[in-house]
PDB file of N, CA and C in Angstrom:
ATOM      1  N   MET A   1      16.361 -18.489 -16.226  1.00  0.00           N
ATOM      2  CA  MET A   1      15.580 -18.896 -15.071  1.00  0.00           C
ATOM      3  C   MET A   1      15.567 -17.761 -14.057  1.00  0.00           C
ATOM      4  N   LYS A   2      14.386 -17.447 -13.560  1.00  0.00           N
ATOM      5  CA  LYS A   2      14.253 -16.380 -12.561  1.00  0.00           C
ATOM      6  C   LYS A   2      14.822 -16.852 -11.228  1.00  0.00           C
ATOM      7  N   ARG A   3      15.533 -15.946 -10.568  1.00  0.00           N
ATOM      8  CA  ARG A   3      16.202 -16.272  -9.302  1.00  0.00           C
ATOM      9  C   ARG A   3      15.469 -15.631  -8.126  1.00  0.00           C
ATOM     10  N   ILE A   4      15.204 -16.451  -7.116  1.00  0.00           N
ATOM     11  CA  ILE A   4      14.517 -15.996  -5.912  1.00  0.00           C
ATOM     12  C   ILE A   4      15.449 -16.156  -4.718  1.00  0.00           C
ATOM     13  N   LEU A   5      15.529 -15.102  -3.916  1.00  0.00           N
ATOM     14  CA  LEU A   5      16.264 -15.155  -2.657  1.00  0.00           C
ATOM     15  C   LEU A   5      15.227 -15.261  -1.546  1.00  0.00           C
ATOM     16  N   LEU A   6      15.294 -16.332  -0.779  1.00  0.00           N
ATOM     17  CA  LEU A   6      14.333 -16.603   0.281  1.00  0.00           C
ATOM     18  C   LEU A   6      14.993 -16.461   1.639  1.00  0.00           C
ATOM     19  N   ALA A   7      14.395 -15.654   2.507  1.00  0.00           N
ATOM     20  CA  ALA A   7      14.858 -15.512   3.891  1.00  0.00           C
ATOM     21  C   ALA A   7      13.685 -15.867   4.797  1.00  0.00           C
ATOM     22  N   GLU A   8      13.816 -16.996   5.488  1.00  0.00           N
ATOM     23  CA  GLU A   8      12.747 -17.503   6.373  1.00  0.00           C
ATOM     24  C   GLU A   8      13.420 -18.280   7.495  1.00  0.00           C
ATOM     25  N   ASP A   9      13.161 -17.895   8.749  1.00  0.00           N
ATOM     26  CA  ASP A   9      13.854 -18.535   9.863  1.00  0.00           C
ATOM     27  C   ASP A   9      13.214 -19.846  10.321  1.00  0.00           C
ATOM     28  N   ASP A  10      12.014 -20.143   9.877  1.00  0.00           N
ATOM     29  CA  ASP A  10      11.372 -21.417  10.218  1.00  0.00           C
ATOM     30  C   ASP A  10      11.839 -22.475   9.214  1.00  0.00           C
ATOM     31  N   ASN A  11      12.611 -23.446   9.699  1.00  0.00           N
ATOM     32  CA  ASN A  11      13.227 -24.438   8.807  1.00  0.00           C
ATOM     33  C   ASN A  11      12.211 -25.223   7.988  1.00  0.00           C
ATOM     34  N   ASP A  12      11.125 -25.684   8.626  1.00  0.00           N
ATOM     35  CA  ASP A  12      10.119 -26.454   7.901  1.00  0.00           C
ATOM     36  C   ASP A  12       9.446 -25.614   6.828  1.00  0.00           C
ATOM     37  N   MET A  13       9.070 -24.399   7.176  1.00  0.00           N
ATOM     38  CA  MET A  13       8.433 -23.498   6.212  1.00  0.00           C
ATOM     39  C   MET A  13       9.380 -23.225   5.050  1.00  0.00           C
ATOM     40  N   ARG A  14      10.645 -22.978   5.354  1.00  0.00           N
ATOM     41  CA  ARG A  14      11.626 -22.684   4.311  1.00  0.00           C
ATOM     42  C   ARG A  14      11.768 -23.857   3.344  1.00  0.00           C
ATOM     43  N   ARG A  15      11.827 -25.071   3.871  1.00  0.00           N
ATOM     44  CA  ARG A  15      11.936 -26.256   3.003  1.00  0.00           C
ATOM     45  C   ARG A  15      10.712 -26.399   2.098  1.00  0.00           C
ATOM     46  N   PHE A  16       9.516 -26.194   2.660  1.00  0.00           N
ATOM     47  CA  PHE A  16       8.288 -26.264   1.856  1.00  0.00           C
ATOM     48  C   PHE A  16       8.307 -25.223   0.735  1.00  0.00           C
ATOM     49  N   LEU A  17       8.717 -24.020   1.073  1.00  0.00           N
ATOM     50  CA  LEU A  17       8.734 -22.940   0.087  1.00  0.00           C
ATOM     51  C   LEU A  17       9.739 -23.212  -1.021  1.00  0.00           C
ATOM     52  N   VAL A  18      10.925 -23.654  -0.636  1.00  0.00           N
ATOM     53  CA  VAL A  18      11.953 -23.963  -1.640  1.00  0.00           C
ATOM     54  C   VAL A  18      11.435 -25.035  -2.594  1.00  0.00           C
ATOM     55  N   ARG A  19      10.879 -26.093  -2.041  1.00  0.00           N
ATOM     56  CA  ARG A  19      10.394 -27.199  -2.860  1.00  0.00           C
ATOM     57  C   ARG A  19       9.301 -26.729  -3.833  1.00  0.00           C
ATOM     58  N   ALA A  20       8.345 -25.962  -3.339  1.00  0.00           N
ATOM     59  CA  ALA A  20       7.248 -25.491  -4.184  1.00  0.00           C
ATOM     60  C   ALA A  20       7.747 -24.568  -5.299  1.00  0.00           C
ATOM     61  N   LEU A  21       8.656 -23.683  -4.972  1.00  0.00           N
ATOM     62  CA  LEU A  21       9.156 -22.726  -5.964  1.00  0.00           C
ATOM     63  C   LEU A  21      10.066 -23.397  -6.986  1.00  0.00           C
ATOM     64  N   GLU A  22      10.864 -24.356  -6.546  1.00  0.00           N
ATOM     65  CA  GLU A  22      11.712 -25.079  -7.498  1.00  0.00           C
ATOM     66  C   GLU A  22      10.860 -25.920  -8.445  1.00  0.00           C
ATOM     67  N   ARG A  23       9.801 -26.529  -7.920  1.00  0.00           N
ATOM     68  CA  ARG A  23       8.880 -27.293  -8.780  1.00  0.00           C
ATOM     69  C   ARG A  23       8.220 -26.397  -9.827  1.00  0.00           C
ATOM     70  N   ALA A  24       8.027 -25.138  -9.477  1.00  0.00           N
ATOM     71  CA  ALA A  24       7.416 -24.182 -10.408  1.00  0.00           C
ATOM     72  C   ALA A  24       8.435 -23.635 -11.410  1.00  0.00           C
ATOM     73  N   GLY A  25       9.700 -24.066 -11.288  1.00  0.00           N
ATOM     74  CA  GLY A  25      10.701 -23.688 -12.272  1.00  0.00           C
ATOM     75  C   GLY A  25      11.621 -22.548 -11.892  1.00  0.00           C
ATOM     76  N   TYR A  26      11.642 -22.172 -10.614  1.00  0.00           N
ATOM     77  CA  TYR A  26      12.500 -21.080 -10.174  1.00  0.00           C
ATOM     78  C   TYR A  26      13.783 -21.608  -9.542  1.00  0.00           C
ATOM     79  N   SER A  27      14.826 -20.807  -9.623  1.00  0.00           N
ATOM     80  CA  SER A  27      16.066 -21.081  -8.910  1.00  0.00           C
ATOM     81  C   SER A  27      15.949 -20.372  -7.562  1.00  0.00           C
ATOM     82  N   VAL A  28      16.071 -21.127  -6.478  1.00  0.00           N
ATOM     83  CA  VAL A  28      15.869 -20.565  -5.138  1.00  0.00           C
ATOM     84  C   VAL A  28      17.134 -20.726  -4.305  1.00  0.00           C
ATOM     85  N   THR A  29      17.580 -19.616  -3.725  1.00  0.00           N
ATOM     86  CA  THR A  29      18.666 -19.630  -2.753  1.00  0.00           C
ATOM     87  C   THR A  29      18.050 -19.220  -1.435  1.00  0.00           C
ATOM     88  N   ASP A  30      18.252 -20.025  -0.388  1.00  0.00           N
ATOM     89  CA  ASP A  30      17.550 -19.742   0.870  1.00  0.00           C
ATOM     90  C   ASP A  30      18.509 -19.571   2.036  1.00  0.00           C
ATOM     91  N   PHE A  31      18.055 -18.747   2.982  1.00  0.00           N
ATOM     92  CA  PHE A  31      18.786 -18.472   4.215  1.00  0.00           C
ATOM     93  C   PHE A  31      17.809 -18.453   5.377  1.00  0.00           C
ATOM     94  N   ASP A  32      18.331 -18.710   6.581  1.00  0.00           N
ATOM     95  CA  ASP A  32      17.477 -18.707   7.764  1.00  0.00           C
ATOM     96  C   ASP A  32      17.514 -17.376   8.514  1.00  0.00           C
ATOM     97  N   ASN A  33      18.152 -16.367   7.910  1.00  0.00           N
ATOM     98  CA  ASN A  33      18.179 -15.038   8.538  1.00  0.00           C
ATOM     99  C   ASN A  33      18.428 -13.967   7.480  1.00  0.00           C
ATOM    100  N   GLY A  34      18.033 -12.758   7.814  1.00  0.00           N
ATOM    101  CA  GLY A  34      18.146 -11.658   6.865  1.00  0.00           C
ATOM    102  C   GLY A  34      19.569 -11.204   6.602  1.00  0.00           C
ATOM    103  N   ALA A  35      20.435 -11.275   7.615  1.00  0.00           N
ATOM    104  CA  ALA A  35      21.804 -10.791   7.452  1.00  0.00           C
ATOM    105  C   ALA A  35      22.561 -11.609   6.410  1.00  0.00           C
ATOM    106  N   SER A  36      22.435 -12.929   6.462  1.00  0.00           N
ATOM    107  CA  SER A  36      23.120 -13.774   5.475  1.00  0.00           C
ATOM    108  C   SER A  36      22.554 -13.561   4.076  1.00  0.00           C
ATOM    109  N   ALA A  37      21.240 -13.411   3.997  1.00  0.00           N
ATOM    110  CA  ALA A  37      20.610 -13.153   2.697  1.00  0.00           C
ATOM    111  C   ALA A  37      21.125 -11.840   2.114  1.00  0.00           C
ATOM    112  N   TYR A  38      21.237 -10.831   2.953  1.00  0.00           N
ATOM    113  CA  TYR A  38      21.722  -9.527   2.498  1.00  0.00           C
ATOM    114  C   TYR A  38      23.158  -9.615   2.000  1.00  0.00           C
ATOM    115  N   ASP A  39      23.998 -10.373   2.701  1.00  0.00           N
ATOM    116  CA  ASP A  39      25.388 -10.518   2.273  1.00  0.00           C
ATOM    117  C   ASP A  39      25.472 -11.065   0.846  1.00  0.00           C
ATOM    118  N   LEU A  40      24.663 -12.082   0.540  1.00  0.00           N
ATOM    119  CA  LEU A  40      24.682 -12.653  -0.806  1.00  0.00           C
ATOM    120  C   LEU A  40      24.081 -11.686  -1.819  1.00  0.00           C
ATOM    121  N   LEU A  41      23.048 -10.985  -1.420  1.00  0.00           N
ATOM    122  CA  LEU A  41      22.380 -10.046  -2.327  1.00  0.00           C
ATOM    123  C   LEU A  41      23.326  -8.935  -2.778  1.00  0.00           C
ATOM    124  N   ARG A  42      24.281  -8.608  -1.946  1.00  0.00           N
ATOM    125  CA  ARG A  42      25.256  -7.585  -2.332  1.00  0.00           C
ATOM    126  C   ARG A  42      26.188  -8.091  -3.420  1.00  0.00           C
ATOM    127  N   GLU A  43      26.282  -9.415  -3.589  1.00  0.00           N
ATOM    128  CA  GLU A  43      27.221  -9.990  -4.548  1.00  0.00           C
ATOM    129  C   GLU A  43      26.564 -10.577  -5.790  1.00  0.00           C
ATOM    130  N   GLU A  44      25.298 -10.968  -5.697  1.00  0.00           N
ATOM    131  CA  GLU A  44      24.636 -11.634  -6.814  1.00  0.00           C
ATOM    132  C   GLU A  44      23.266 -11.021  -7.064  1.00  0.00           C
ATOM    133  N   PRO A  45      22.843 -10.954  -8.337  1.00  0.00           N
ATOM    134  CA  PRO A  45      21.526 -10.395  -8.656  1.00  0.00           C
ATOM    135  C   PRO A  45      20.411 -11.440  -8.489  1.00  0.00           C
ATOM    136  N   PHE A  46      19.261 -10.980  -8.049  1.00  0.00           N
ATOM    137  CA  PHE A  46      18.066 -11.810  -7.920  1.00  0.00           C
ATOM    138  C   PHE A  46      16.888 -11.058  -8.524  1.00  0.00           C
ATOM    139  N   ASN A  47      15.847 -11.800  -8.908  1.00  0.00           N
ATOM    140  CA  ASN A  47      14.643 -11.193  -9.464  1.00  0.00           C
ATOM    141  C   ASN A  47      13.623 -10.877  -8.384  1.00  0.00           C
ATOM    142  N   LEU A  48      13.631 -11.681  -7.301  1.00  0.00           N
ATOM    143  CA  LEU A  48      12.628 -11.538  -6.247  1.00  0.00           C
ATOM    144  C   LEU A  48      13.242 -11.849  -4.894  1.00  0.00           C
ATOM    145  N   LEU A  49      12.914 -11.014  -3.921  1.00  0.00           N
ATOM    146  CA  LEU A  49      13.246 -11.285  -2.529  1.00  0.00           C
ATOM    147  C   LEU A  49      11.958 -11.716  -1.854  1.00  0.00           C
ATOM    148  N   LEU A  50      11.954 -12.925  -1.337  1.00  0.00           N
ATOM    149  CA  LEU A  50      10.814 -13.480  -0.613  1.00  0.00           C
ATOM    150  C   LEU A  50      11.262 -13.623   0.828  1.00  0.00           C
ATOM    151  N   THR A  51      10.666 -12.858   1.728  1.00  0.00           N
ATOM    152  CA  THR A  51      11.185 -12.824   3.089  1.00  0.00           C
ATOM    153  C   THR A  51      10.100 -12.781   4.147  1.00  0.00           C
ATOM    154  N   ASP A  52      10.379 -13.489   5.231  1.00  0.00           N
ATOM    155  CA  ASP A  52       9.568 -13.377   6.433  1.00  0.00           C
ATOM    156  C   ASP A  52       9.870 -11.995   7.016  1.00  0.00           C
ATOM    157  N   ILE A  53       8.999 -11.500   7.864  1.00  0.00           N
ATOM    158  CA  ILE A  53       9.263 -10.200   8.483  1.00  0.00           C
ATOM    159  C   ILE A  53      10.010 -10.372   9.801  1.00  0.00           C
ATOM    160  N   VAL A  54       9.529 -11.254  10.658  1.00  0.00           N
ATOM    161  CA  VAL A  54      10.127 -11.410  11.981  1.00  0.00           C
ATOM    162  C   VAL A  54      11.202 -12.500  11.915  1.00  0.00           C
ATOM    163  N   MET A  55      12.466 -12.057  11.972  1.00  0.00           N
ATOM    164  CA  MET A  55      13.612 -12.972  11.920  1.00  0.00           C
ATOM    165  C   MET A  55      14.724 -12.432  12.808  1.00  0.00           C
ATOM    166  N   PRO A  56      15.628 -13.321  13.234  1.00  0.00           N
ATOM    167  CA  PRO A  56      16.778 -12.863  14.020  1.00  0.00           C
ATOM    168  C   PRO A  56      17.796 -12.138  13.139  1.00  0.00           C
ATOM    169  N   GLU A  57      18.640 -11.363  13.759  1.00  0.00           N
ATOM    170  CA  GLU A  57      19.770 -10.657  13.138  1.00  0.00           C
ATOM    171  C   GLU A  57      19.347  -9.465  12.292  1.00  0.00           C
ATOM    172  N   MET A  58      18.503  -9.668  11.307  1.00  0.00           N
ATOM    173  CA  MET A  58      17.986  -8.570  10.484  1.00  0.00           C
ATOM    174  C   MET A  58      16.569  -8.958  10.074  1.00  0.00           C
ATOM    175  N   ASP A  59      15.595  -8.120  10.431  1.00  0.00           N
ATOM    176  CA  ASP A  59      14.226  -8.482  10.083  1.00  0.00           C
ATOM    177  C   ASP A  59      13.971  -8.273   8.589  1.00  0.00           C
ATOM    178  N   GLY A  60      12.859  -8.792   8.114  1.00  0.00           N
ATOM    179  CA  GLY A  60      12.559  -8.754   6.693  1.00  0.00           C
ATOM    180  C   GLY A  60      12.364  -7.361   6.132  1.00  0.00           C
ATOM    181  N   ILE A  61      11.824  -6.453   6.932  1.00  0.00           N
ATOM    182  CA  ILE A  61      11.617  -5.087   6.443  1.00  0.00           C
ATOM    183  C   ILE A  61      12.953  -4.391   6.232  1.00  0.00           C
ATOM    184  N   GLU A  62      13.868  -4.545   7.179  1.00  0.00           N
ATOM    185  CA  GLU A  62      15.197  -3.955   7.013  1.00  0.00           C
ATOM    186  C   GLU A  62      15.917  -4.592   5.824  1.00  0.00           C
ATOM    187  N   LEU A  63      15.803  -5.910   5.701  1.00  0.00           N
ATOM    188  CA  LEU A  63      16.408  -6.605   4.570  1.00  0.00           C
ATOM    189  C   LEU A  63      15.854  -6.070   3.251  1.00  0.00           C
ATOM    190  N   ALA A  64      14.545  -5.934   3.158  1.00  0.00           N
ATOM    191  CA  ALA A  64      13.922  -5.443   1.926  1.00  0.00           C
ATOM    192  C   ALA A  64      14.351  -4.008   1.621  1.00  0.00           C
ATOM    193  N   ARG A  65      14.412  -3.189   2.643  1.00  0.00           N
ATOM    194  CA  ARG A  65      14.816  -1.788   2.455  1.00  0.00           C
ATOM    195  C   ARG A  65      16.253  -1.714   1.921  1.00  0.00           C
ATOM    196  N   LYS A  66      17.161  -2.464   2.537  1.00  0.00           N
ATOM    197  CA  LYS A  66      18.554  -2.453   2.092  1.00  0.00           C
ATOM    198  C   LYS A  66      18.703  -3.088   0.708  1.00  0.00           C
ATOM    199  N   ALA A  67      17.928  -4.150   0.453  1.00  0.00           N
ATOM    200  CA  ALA A  67      18.009  -4.847  -0.830  1.00  0.00           C
ATOM    201  C   ALA A  67      17.564  -3.946  -1.975  1.00  0.00           C
ATOM    202  N   THR A  68      16.500  -3.178  -1.759  1.00  0.00           N
ATOM    203  CA  THR A  68      16.013  -2.301  -2.833  1.00  0.00           C
ATOM    204  C   THR A  68      16.888  -1.055  -2.991  1.00  0.00           C
ATOM    205  N   GLU A  69      17.725  -0.753  -2.002  1.00  0.00           N
ATOM    206  CA  GLU A  69      18.727   0.304  -2.190  1.00  0.00           C
ATOM    207  C   GLU A  69      19.797  -0.192  -3.162  1.00  0.00           C
ATOM    208  N   ILE A  70      20.153  -1.479  -3.051  1.00  0.00           N
ATOM    209  CA  ILE A  70      21.145  -2.073  -3.951  1.00  0.00           C
ATOM    210  C   ILE A  70      20.560  -2.224  -5.349  1.00  0.00           C
ATOM    211  N   ASP A  71      19.339  -2.738  -5.433  1.00  0.00           N
ATOM    212  CA  ASP A  71      18.681  -3.004  -6.714  1.00  0.00           C
ATOM    213  C   ASP A  71      17.244  -2.495  -6.656  1.00  0.00           C
ATOM    214  N   PRO A  72      17.012  -1.268  -7.119  1.00  0.00           N
ATOM    215  CA  PRO A  72      15.670  -0.695  -7.064  1.00  0.00           C
ATOM    216  C   PRO A  72      14.625  -1.485  -7.855  1.00  0.00           C
ATOM    217  N   ASP A  73      15.047  -2.323  -8.799  1.00  0.00           N
ATOM    218  CA  ASP A  73      14.105  -3.113  -9.591  1.00  0.00           C
ATOM    219  C   ASP A  73      13.756  -4.448  -8.950  1.00  0.00           C
ATOM    220  N   LEU A  74      14.392  -4.776  -7.835  1.00  0.00           N
ATOM    221  CA  LEU A  74      14.136  -6.047  -7.163  1.00  0.00           C
ATOM    222  C   LEU A  74      12.694  -6.087  -6.674  1.00  0.00           C
ATOM    223  N   LYS A  75      11.988  -7.154  -7.002  1.00  0.00           N
ATOM    224  CA  LYS A  75      10.624  -7.364  -6.502  1.00  0.00           C
ATOM    225  C   LYS A  75      10.731  -7.899  -5.086  1.00  0.00           C
ATOM    226  N   VAL A  76       9.775  -7.504  -4.233  1.00  0.00           N
ATOM    227  CA  VAL A  76       9.797  -7.920  -2.834  1.00  0.00           C
ATOM    228  C   VAL A  76       8.432  -8.475  -2.440  1.00  0.00           C
ATOM    229  N   MET A  77       8.454  -9.644  -1.798  1.00  0.00           N
ATOM    230  CA  MET A  77       7.241 -10.208  -1.230  1.00  0.00           C
ATOM    231  C   MET A  77       7.526 -10.631   0.203  1.00  0.00           C
ATOM    232  N   PHE A  78       6.651 -10.166   1.108  1.00  0.00           N
ATOM    233  CA  PHE A  78       6.750 -10.564   2.508  1.00  0.00           C
ATOM    234  C   PHE A  78       5.801 -11.735   2.749  1.00  0.00           C
ATOM    235  N   ILE A  79       6.288 -12.729   3.479  1.00  0.00           N
ATOM    236  CA  ILE A  79       5.430 -13.810   3.954  1.00  0.00           C
ATOM    237  C   ILE A  79       5.440 -13.698   5.468  1.00  0.00           C
ATOM    238  N   THR A  80       4.275 -13.501   6.059  1.00  0.00           N
ATOM    239  CA  THR A  80       4.272 -13.183   7.478  1.00  0.00           C
ATOM    240  C   THR A  80       2.944 -13.482   8.151  1.00  0.00           C
ATOM    241  N   GLY A  81       3.020 -13.710   9.419  1.00  0.00           N
ATOM    242  CA  GLY A  81       1.829 -13.782  10.244  1.00  0.00           C
ATOM    243  C   GLY A  81       1.499 -12.420  10.824  1.00  0.00           C
ATOM    244  N   PHE A  82       2.307 -11.421  10.475  1.00  0.00           N
ATOM    245  CA  PHE A  82       2.156 -10.070  11.022  1.00  0.00           C
ATOM    246  C   PHE A  82       1.944  -9.058   9.902  1.00  0.00           C
ATOM    247  N   ALA A  83       0.913  -9.257   9.082  1.00  0.00           N
ATOM    248  CA  ALA A  83       0.684  -8.407   7.912  1.00  0.00           C
ATOM    249  C   ALA A  83       0.538  -6.938   8.279  1.00  0.00           C
ATOM    250  N   ALA A  84      -0.057  -6.657   9.409  1.00  0.00           N
ATOM    251  CA  ALA A  84      -0.262  -5.257   9.802  1.00  0.00           C
ATOM    252  C   ALA A  84       1.062  -4.525   9.953  1.00  0.00           C
ATOM    253  N   VAL A  85       2.098  -5.223  10.372  1.00  0.00           N
ATOM    254  CA  VAL A  85       3.420  -4.602  10.508  1.00  0.00           C
ATOM    255  C   VAL A  85       3.937  -4.188   9.142  1.00  0.00           C
ATOM    256  N   ALA A  86       3.833  -5.072   8.163  1.00  0.00           N
ATOM    257  CA  ALA A  86       4.343  -4.778   6.825  1.00  0.00           C
ATOM    258  C   ALA A  86       3.566  -3.659   6.167  1.00  0.00           C
ATOM    259  N   LEU A  87       2.269  -3.603   6.433  1.00  0.00           N
ATOM    260  CA  LEU A  87       1.433  -2.604   5.781  1.00  0.00           C
ATOM    261  C   LEU A  87       1.483  -1.252   6.471  1.00  0.00           C
ATOM    262  N   ASN A  88       2.093  -1.182   7.623  1.00  0.00           N
ATOM    263  CA  ASN A  88       2.200   0.056   8.360  1.00  0.00           C
ATOM    264  C   ASN A  88       3.112   1.020   7.597  1.00  0.00           C
ATOM    265  N   PRO A  89       2.609   2.206   7.225  1.00  0.00           N
ATOM    266  CA  PRO A  89       3.436   3.149   6.455  1.00  0.00           C
ATOM    267  C   PRO A  89       4.721   3.566   7.186  1.00  0.00           C
ATOM    268  N   ASP A  90       4.720   3.482   8.515  1.00  0.00           N
ATOM    269  CA  ASP A  90       5.900   3.867   9.281  1.00  0.00           C
ATOM    270  C   ASP A  90       7.002   2.812   9.235  1.00  0.00           C
ATOM    271  N   SER A  91       6.719   1.657   8.654  1.00  0.00           N
ATOM    272  CA  SER A  91       7.707   0.573   8.653  1.00  0.00           C
ATOM    273  C   SER A  91       8.813   0.790   7.629  1.00  0.00           C
ATOM    274  N   ASN A  92       8.612   1.703   6.682  1.00  0.00           N
ATOM    275  CA  ASN A  92       9.574   1.956   5.605  1.00  0.00           C
ATOM    276  C   ASN A  92       9.776   0.749   4.700  1.00  0.00           C
ATOM    277  N   ALA A  93       8.797  -0.137   4.640  1.00  0.00           N
ATOM    278  CA  ALA A  93       8.868  -1.266   3.720  1.00  0.00           C
ATOM    279  C   ALA A  93       8.762  -0.726   2.295  1.00  0.00           C
ATOM    280  N   PRO A  94       9.394  -1.388   1.318  1.00  0.00           N
ATOM    281  CA  PRO A  94       9.254  -0.938  -0.077  1.00  0.00           C
ATOM    282  C   PRO A  94       7.776  -0.817  -0.458  1.00  0.00           C
ATOM    283  N   GLN A  95       7.425   0.264  -1.133  1.00  0.00           N
ATOM    284  CA  GLN A  95       6.017   0.588  -1.367  1.00  0.00           C
ATOM    285  C   GLN A  95       5.278  -0.423  -2.234  1.00  0.00           C
ATOM    286  N   ASN A  96       5.937  -1.020  -3.220  1.00  0.00           N
ATOM    287  CA  ASN A  96       5.220  -1.961  -4.077  1.00  0.00           C
ATOM    288  C   ASN A  96       5.462  -3.406  -3.678  1.00  0.00           C
ATOM    289  N   ALA A  97       5.840  -3.622  -2.425  1.00  0.00           N
ATOM    290  CA  ALA A  97       6.023  -4.983  -1.931  1.00  0.00           C
ATOM    291  C   ALA A  97       4.664  -5.649  -1.755  1.00  0.00           C
ATOM    292  N   LYS A  98       4.627  -6.919  -2.011  1.00  0.00           N
ATOM    293  CA  LYS A  98       3.418  -7.724  -1.826  1.00  0.00           C
ATOM    294  C   LYS A  98       3.509  -8.382  -0.456  1.00  0.00           C
ATOM    295  N   VAL A  99       2.366  -8.537   0.203  1.00  0.00           N
ATOM    296  CA  VAL A  99       2.332  -9.205   1.498  1.00  0.00           C
ATOM    297  C   VAL A  99       1.411 -10.412   1.395  1.00  0.00           C
ATOM    298  N   LEU A 100       1.943 -11.569   1.741  1.00  0.00           N
ATOM    299  CA  LEU A 100       1.164 -12.790   1.769  1.00  0.00           C
ATOM    300  C   LEU A 100       1.116 -13.247   3.224  1.00  0.00           C
ATOM    301  N   SER A 101      -0.087 -13.277   3.794  1.00  0.00           N
ATOM    302  CA  SER A 101      -0.239 -13.601   5.209  1.00  0.00           C
ATOM    303  C   SER A 101      -0.278 -15.103   5.445  1.00  0.00           C
ATOM    304  N   LYS A 102       0.454 -15.539   6.480  1.00  0.00           N
ATOM    305  CA  LYS A 102       0.418 -16.937   6.894  1.00  0.00           C
ATOM    306  C   LYS A 102      -0.871 -17.160   7.684  1.00  0.00           C
ATOM    307  N   PRO A 103      -1.480 -18.303   7.585  1.00  0.00           N
ATOM    308  CA  PRO A 103      -1.118 -19.421   6.718  1.00  0.00           C
ATOM    309  C   PRO A 103      -1.618 -19.178   5.294  1.00  0.00           C
ATOM    310  N   PHE A 104      -0.918 -19.731   4.329  1.00  0.00           N
ATOM    311  CA  PHE A 104      -1.329 -19.625   2.931  1.00  0.00           C
ATOM    312  C   PHE A 104      -1.091 -20.964   2.260  1.00  0.00           C
ATOM    313  N   HIS A 105      -1.758 -21.163   1.145  1.00  0.00           N
ATOM    314  CA  HIS A 105      -1.577 -22.387   0.374  1.00  0.00           C
ATOM    315  C   HIS A 105      -0.375 -22.184  -0.541  1.00  0.00           C
ATOM    316  N   LEU A 106       0.449 -23.214  -0.715  1.00  0.00           N
ATOM    317  CA  LEU A 106       1.646 -23.075  -1.553  1.00  0.00           C
ATOM    318  C   LEU A 106       1.286 -22.660  -2.976  1.00  0.00           C
ATOM    319  N   ARG A 107       0.147 -23.110  -3.485  1.00  0.00           N
ATOM    320  CA  ARG A 107      -0.276 -22.727  -4.839  1.00  0.00           C
ATOM    321  C   ARG A 107      -0.497 -21.211  -4.913  1.00  0.00           C
ATOM    322  N   ASP A 108      -1.064 -20.635  -3.839  1.00  0.00           N
ATOM    323  CA  ASP A 108      -1.271 -19.180  -3.809  1.00  0.00           C
ATOM    324  C   ASP A 108       0.064 -18.439  -3.845  1.00  0.00           C
ATOM    325  N   LEU A 109       1.038 -18.968  -3.118  1.00  0.00           N
ATOM    326  CA  LEU A 109       2.365 -18.361  -3.124  1.00  0.00           C
ATOM    327  C   LEU A 109       2.962 -18.392  -4.527  1.00  0.00           C
ATOM    328  N   VAL A 110       2.942 -19.557  -5.155  1.00  0.00           N
ATOM    329  CA  VAL A 110       3.509 -19.690  -6.499  1.00  0.00           C
ATOM    330  C   VAL A 110       2.772 -18.770  -7.477  1.00  0.00           C
ATOM    331  N   ASP A 111       1.451 -18.691  -7.372  1.00  0.00           N
ATOM    332  CA  ASP A 111       0.674 -17.795  -8.257  1.00  0.00           C
ATOM    333  C   ASP A 111       1.095 -16.344  -8.077  1.00  0.00           C
ATOM    334  N   GLU A 112       1.256 -15.912  -6.828  1.00  0.00           N
ATOM    335  CA  GLU A 112       1.652 -14.527  -6.564  1.00  0.00           C
ATOM    336  C   GLU A 112       3.072 -14.250  -7.059  1.00  0.00           C
ATOM    337  N   VAL A 113       3.975 -15.201  -6.872  1.00  0.00           N
ATOM    338  CA  VAL A 113       5.349 -15.053  -7.365  1.00  0.00           C
ATOM    339  C   VAL A 113       5.325 -14.926  -8.889  1.00  0.00           C
ATOM    340  N   GLU A 114       4.558 -15.774  -9.552  1.00  0.00           N
ATOM    341  CA  GLU A 114       4.475 -15.714 -11.016  1.00  0.00           C
ATOM    342  C   GLU A 114       3.949 -14.364 -11.487  1.00  0.00           C
ATOM    343  N   LYS A 115       2.918 -13.850 -10.810  1.00  0.00           N
ATOM    344  CA  LYS A 115       2.364 -12.534 -11.183  1.00  0.00           C
ATOM    345  C   LYS A 115       3.427 -11.440 -11.042  1.00  0.00           C
ATOM    346  N   MET A 116       4.143 -11.470  -9.937  1.00  0.00           N
ATOM    347  CA  MET A 116       5.156 -10.443  -9.694  1.00  0.00           C
ATOM    348  C   MET A 116       6.276 -10.510 -10.715  1.00  0.00           C
ATOM    349  N   LEU A 117       6.722 -11.719 -11.039  1.00  0.00           N
ATOM    350  CA  LEU A 117       7.853 -11.861 -11.948  1.00  0.00           C
ATOM    351  C   LEU A 117       7.458 -11.661 -13.403  1.00  0.00           C
ATOM    352  N   GLN A 118       6.217 -11.892 -13.750  1.00  0.00           N
ATOM    353  CA  GLN A 118       5.754 -11.603 -15.113  1.00  0.00           C
ATOM    354  C   GLN A 118       5.684 -10.104 -15.345  1.00  0.00           C
ATOM    355  N   ALA A 119       5.445  -9.358 -14.296  1.00  0.00           N
ATOM    356  CA  ALA A 119       5.359  -7.908 -14.409  1.00  0.00           C
ATOM    357  C   ALA A 119       6.725  -7.277 -14.600  1.00  0.00           C
ATOM    358  N   ALA A 120       7.777  -8.071 -14.387  1.00  0.00           N
ATOM    359  CA  ALA A 120       9.149  -7.527 -14.478  1.00  0.00           C
ATOM    360  C   ALA A 120       9.544  -7.277 -15.918  1.00  0.00           C
TER     361      ALA A 120
END
């Protein structure tokens, strides 16, 4: 089973995402901040990091950058209302990260996750 690490500080959004991804057959571990997600990522392997960009303690771009230093093969997808930030070359976001702009349909999220993980 493919493992997804989810970092999203909006509790309702996080619950919706977990439910949709688990229904699609993924194992999801979720956190409400980037720092806690990073701590677990240092100890356990994941196939995909799904992260919001704007979060307390450690933002999603920093989390993704540190996560891909640990595991260069880790797939990264940003979910954000601030797509321009993620796409900015100065942000140092991982180059092959996918950006899904809020609002999005849960089916679109699951489809994009499936595409990314099939490419692995």
